[in-house]
Amino acid sequence: MLDHSSFLSLVTDYAAPTMGAAFLPDWLNPVVFLNNPALGPWVLLLVCAIVFAETGLLVGFFLPGDSMLFTVGMLIATGTIQIPLWLFAAAIFVCAFAGDQTGYIIGKKSGPAIFKKPDSRFFSQKNVERAHEFFEKFGGRAVILARFVPVVRTFVPVIAGVAKMNHKTFILYNLIGAALWGIGVTLLGYWLGQFTWIEENIDLIFILIVLISVIPIGVELLKARKPKSKTIED
């Protein structure tokens, strides 16, 4: 089960790709590669590919999803990216949804083999086990909550497939999660990107994004502890 110590470990271990975006190599730092004028209209395809890989392919766990979506919204607001916000948001939503669907299929087809896969440069059993604990703790809601936890969002759809979660139920949670994360974080970046202070303190904003995104998980943990507390008092 995912207790408070495990939850803190999730935040500290997995939030690094978002919190430390400025310390990533240029090819992974969204503030750098999204500002590359050479990308032009190809930036939409690049972002969509990253979103799909991070949510649908096991090797995409290291990609900077949250910080990238926020930066996309910010750069659209400032005119650096000259692609309509609605088009970008819609494309991200579709790719985020398709990514989780792909992860689910991978888990359903591969089954227990996922848990037996040996550690390698791009695969860690620790990530699988942590995502499994996350899914066991929150059930179907994990599909939504995991969207906001780096690395975990890559593996939870696979775990849902391994557990043979009802496909229609998974699709519903996937739709909600893709909208809240894919569209929500992008719109947040667009709104805040209109303020000069945000661009000047982008690292701090990335940290705040992580802290805000884990609030729903913290609330769920508190709810899970309430019945236990009542039992002790009785």
Protein backbone atom coordinates (compact mmCIF):
# COMPACT_ATOMS: atom_id res chain seq x y z
CA MET A 1 0.00 0.00 0.00
CA LEU A 2 1.11 3.57 -0.67
CA ASP A 3 1.65 5.20 2.75
CA HIS A 4 2.83 8.72 3.56
CA SER A 5 6.51 7.85 3.26
CA SER A 6 5.91 6.24 -0.13
CA PHE A 7 3.97 9.30 -1.22
CA LEU A 8 6.82 11.62 -0.24
CA SER A 9 9.22 9.35 -2.11
CA LEU A 10 7.01 9.62 -5.19
CA VAL A 11 7.19 13.39 -5.07
CA THR A 12 10.92 13.68 -4.42
CA ASP A 13 12.03 10.90 -6.78
CA TYR A 14 9.70 11.54 -9.68
CA ALA A 15 9.15 15.31 -9.59
CA ALA A 16 12.77 15.97 -10.55
CA PRO A 17 12.16 16.05 -14.34
CA THR A 18 9.67 18.88 -13.84
CA MET A 19 11.20 20.76 -10.91
CA GLY A 20 14.67 20.76 -12.40
CA ALA A 21 13.74 21.61 -15.96
CA ALA A 22 16.32 24.37 -16.11
CA PHE A 23 19.04 21.88 -15.22
CA LEU A 24 18.14 19.41 -17.94
CA PRO A 25 20.20 19.14 -21.13
CA ASP A 26 18.98 21.54 -23.82
CA TRP A 27 17.33 18.79 -25.84
CA LEU A 28 15.13 17.96 -22.80
CA ASN A 29 14.62 21.48 -21.46
CA PRO A 30 11.30 22.76 -22.88
CA VAL A 31 12.26 26.38 -22.28
CA VAL A 32 15.16 25.83 -24.69
CA PHE A 33 13.93 23.49 -27.43
CA LEU A 34 10.46 25.02 -27.71
CA ASN A 35 12.06 28.42 -28.31
CA ASN A 36 14.04 27.10 -31.27
CA PRO A 37 12.80 29.08 -34.29
CA ALA A 38 13.96 26.30 -36.60
CA LEU A 39 11.09 24.13 -35.38
CA GLY A 40 8.45 26.47 -36.74
CA PRO A 41 5.18 24.59 -37.34
CA TRP A 42 6.93 21.31 -36.52
CA VAL A 43 6.76 22.21 -32.83
CA LEU A 44 3.21 20.88 -32.69
CA LEU A 45 4.29 17.46 -33.98
CA LEU A 46 7.25 17.39 -31.60
CA VAL A 47 5.11 18.14 -28.54
CA CYS A 48 2.49 15.60 -29.60
CA ALA A 49 5.19 12.95 -30.06
CA ILE A 50 6.64 13.64 -26.61
CA VAL A 51 3.20 13.54 -24.96
CA PHE A 52 2.39 10.23 -26.65
CA ALA A 53 5.79 8.70 -25.81
CA GLU A 54 5.65 9.76 -22.17
CA THR A 55 2.14 8.43 -21.62
CA GLY A 56 2.10 5.45 -23.96
CA LEU A 57 5.60 4.02 -24.29
CA LEU A 58 7.59 2.67 -21.35
CA VAL A 59 10.79 4.30 -22.61
CA GLY A 60 9.25 7.79 -22.37
CA PHE A 61 9.20 8.06 -18.57
CA PHE A 62 12.08 10.58 -18.48
CA LEU A 63 10.39 13.16 -20.73
CA PRO A 64 9.39 16.57 -19.25
CA GLY A 65 5.60 16.44 -19.64
CA ASP A 66 4.27 18.97 -17.10
CA SER A 67 6.92 21.61 -17.70
CA MET A 68 6.61 21.20 -21.46
CA LEU A 69 2.83 21.69 -21.52
CA PHE A 70 3.07 24.74 -19.29
CA THR A 71 5.83 26.20 -21.46
CA VAL A 72 3.79 25.58 -24.62
CA GLY A 73 0.90 27.58 -23.20
CA MET A 74 3.24 30.35 -22.07
CA LEU A 75 4.94 30.61 -25.48
CA ILE A 76 1.60 30.71 -27.29
CA ALA A 77 0.51 33.55 -24.99
CA THR A 78 3.69 35.52 -25.76
CA GLY A 79 3.43 34.86 -29.52
CA THR A 80 6.65 32.82 -29.69
CA ILE A 81 4.63 29.84 -30.89
CA GLN A 82 2.26 31.04 -33.57
CA ILE A 83 -0.20 28.17 -33.54
CA PRO A 84 -3.77 28.66 -32.27
CA LEU A 85 -4.20 27.65 -28.62
CA TRP A 86 -7.32 25.60 -29.36
CA LEU A 87 -5.50 23.55 -31.98
CA PHE A 88 -2.52 22.87 -29.72
CA ALA A 89 -4.74 21.98 -26.75
CA ALA A 90 -6.90 19.65 -28.86
CA ALA A 91 -3.86 17.90 -30.33
CA ILE A 92 -2.31 17.41 -26.88
CA PHE A 93 -5.59 15.98 -25.57
CA VAL A 94 -5.80 13.46 -28.40
CA CYS A 95 -2.19 12.34 -27.97
CA ALA A 96 -2.49 12.12 -24.18
CA PHE A 97 -5.61 9.97 -24.55
CA ALA A 98 -4.04 7.79 -27.27
CA GLY A 99 -0.89 7.40 -25.17
CA ASP A 100 -2.72 5.98 -22.16
CA GLN A 101 -4.77 3.72 -24.42
CA THR A 102 -1.54 2.37 -25.90
CA GLY A 103 -0.08 1.81 -22.44
CA TYR A 104 -3.21 -0.08 -21.40
CA ILE A 105 -3.00 -2.34 -24.45
CA ILE A 106 0.69 -2.99 -23.81
CA GLY A 107 -0.11 -4.04 -20.24
CA LYS A 108 -3.06 -6.17 -21.24
CA LYS A 109 -1.13 -7.98 -23.96
CA SER A 110 2.15 -8.37 -22.06
CA GLY A 111 0.60 -9.22 -18.69
CA PRO A 112 2.92 -10.50 -15.94
CA ALA A 113 5.90 -10.31 -18.31
CA ILE A 114 6.02 -6.59 -17.47
CA PHE A 115 6.89 -7.44 -13.86
CA LYS A 116 9.56 -9.95 -14.87
CA LYS A 117 11.36 -7.64 -17.28
CA PRO A 118 14.97 -7.14 -16.07
CA ASP A 119 16.34 -3.71 -15.28
CA SER A 120 18.02 -1.93 -18.15
CA ARG A 121 19.06 1.58 -19.12
CA PHE A 122 15.49 2.56 -19.97
CA PHE A 123 13.55 0.23 -17.69
CA SER A 124 13.43 -0.11 -13.92
CA GLN A 125 11.44 -2.60 -11.87
CA LYS A 126 11.24 0.04 -9.14
CA ASN A 127 9.15 2.23 -11.45
CA VAL A 128 6.77 -0.64 -12.20
CA GLU A 129 6.41 -1.59 -8.55
CA ARG A 130 5.79 2.02 -7.51
CA ALA A 131 3.13 2.46 -10.19
CA HIS A 132 1.54 -0.82 -9.09
CA GLU A 133 1.32 0.43 -5.48
CA PHE A 134 -0.16 3.68 -6.78
CA PHE A 135 -2.81 1.82 -8.78
CA GLU A 136 -3.64 -0.53 -5.90
CA LYS A 137 -4.11 2.42 -3.57
CA PHE A 138 -6.29 4.62 -5.75
CA GLY A 139 -7.91 2.13 -8.14
CA GLY A 140 -9.52 3.72 -11.18
CA ARG A 141 -8.81 7.22 -9.88
CA ALA A 142 -5.11 6.44 -10.29
CA VAL A 143 -5.55 6.80 -14.06
CA ILE A 144 -6.45 10.47 -13.47
CA LEU A 145 -4.14 11.22 -10.54
CA ALA A 146 -1.12 9.60 -12.18
CA ARG A 147 -1.28 12.16 -14.99
CA PHE A 148 0.18 14.68 -12.59
CA VAL A 149 3.02 12.53 -11.23
CA PRO A 150 6.10 12.27 -13.49
CA VAL A 151 7.20 8.69 -14.33
CA VAL A 152 4.13 7.21 -12.59
CA ARG A 153 1.93 8.50 -15.43
CA THR A 154 3.97 6.37 -17.84
CA PHE A 155 3.48 3.12 -15.97
CA VAL A 156 -0.02 3.32 -14.43
CA PRO A 157 -1.86 2.75 -17.77
CA VAL A 158 0.31 -0.34 -18.28
CA ILE A 159 -0.51 -1.57 -14.76
CA ALA A 160 -4.22 -0.97 -15.46
CA GLY A 161 -3.89 -3.21 -18.50
CA VAL A 162 -2.00 -5.87 -16.55
CA ALA A 163 -4.76 -5.80 -13.89
CA LYS A 164 -7.35 -6.12 -16.69
CA MET A 165 -9.27 -3.06 -15.54
CA ASN A 166 -12.63 -2.77 -17.28
CA HIS A 167 -11.82 -1.15 -20.62
CA LYS A 168 -14.87 1.13 -20.73
CA THR A 169 -14.12 2.36 -17.21
CA PHE A 170 -10.50 2.95 -18.16
CA ILE A 171 -11.55 4.96 -21.23
CA LEU A 172 -13.76 7.21 -19.06
CA TYR A 173 -10.96 7.91 -16.55
CA ASN A 174 -8.52 8.34 -19.42
CA LEU A 175 -10.72 10.98 -21.08
CA ILE A 176 -11.00 12.93 -17.83
CA GLY A 177 -7.28 12.66 -17.09
CA ALA A 178 -6.24 13.66 -20.60
CA ALA A 179 -8.46 16.74 -20.43
CA LEU A 180 -7.39 17.85 -16.94
CA TRP A 181 -3.69 17.31 -17.61
CA GLY A 182 -3.23 17.87 -21.34
CA ILE A 183 -5.61 20.79 -21.75
CA GLY A 184 -5.56 22.08 -18.17
CA VAL A 185 -1.79 22.51 -17.77
CA THR A 186 -1.53 24.06 -21.24
CA LEU A 187 -4.28 26.59 -20.48
CA LEU A 188 -2.66 27.37 -17.13
CA GLY A 189 0.59 28.16 -18.94
CA TYR A 190 -1.28 30.32 -21.45
CA TRP A 191 -3.04 32.32 -18.75
CA LEU A 192 0.01 32.82 -16.54
CA GLY A 193 2.27 33.32 -19.54
CA GLN A 194 0.75 36.75 -20.06
CA PHE A 195 2.54 37.99 -16.94
CA THR A 196 6.19 38.95 -17.34
CA TRP A 197 7.02 37.81 -13.80
CA ILE A 198 6.11 34.22 -14.72
CA GLU A 199 8.61 34.03 -17.57
CA GLU A 200 11.32 35.53 -15.37
CA ASN A 201 10.70 32.97 -12.61
CA ILE A 202 9.92 29.90 -14.68
CA ASP A 203 11.91 27.51 -12.43
CA LEU A 204 9.86 28.52 -9.40
CA ILE A 205 6.68 28.02 -11.42
CA PHE A 206 7.73 24.47 -12.35
CA ILE A 207 8.21 23.69 -8.66
CA LEU A 208 4.78 25.12 -7.85
CA ILE A 209 3.23 23.00 -10.61
CA VAL A 210 4.60 19.87 -8.96
CA LEU A 211 3.37 20.90 -5.51
CA ILE A 212 -0.11 21.77 -6.79
CA SER A 213 -0.37 18.62 -8.89
CA VAL A 214 0.20 16.33 -5.90
CA ILE A 215 -2.51 17.98 -3.78
CA PRO A 216 -5.26 15.61 -5.08
CA ILE A 217 -3.10 12.63 -4.14
CA GLY A 218 -2.53 14.05 -0.65
CA VAL A 219 -6.29 14.54 -0.24
CA GLU A 220 -6.92 10.93 -1.24
CA LEU A 221 -4.35 9.75 1.30
CA LEU A 222 -6.05 11.76 4.06
CA LYS A 223 -9.43 10.30 3.12
CA ALA A 224 -7.97 6.80 3.26
CA ARG A 225 -6.68 7.41 6.79
CA LYS A 226 -9.95 8.71 8.25
CA PRO A 227 -11.70 5.33 8.72
CA LYS A 228 -8.61 4.02 10.54
CA SER A 229 -8.63 7.00 12.90
CA LYS A 230 -12.29 6.44 13.77
CA THR A 231 -11.67 2.80 14.47
CA ILE A 232 -8.87 3.62 16.92
CA GLU A 233 -11.05 6.18 18.75
CA ASP A 234 -13.92 3.68 19.06
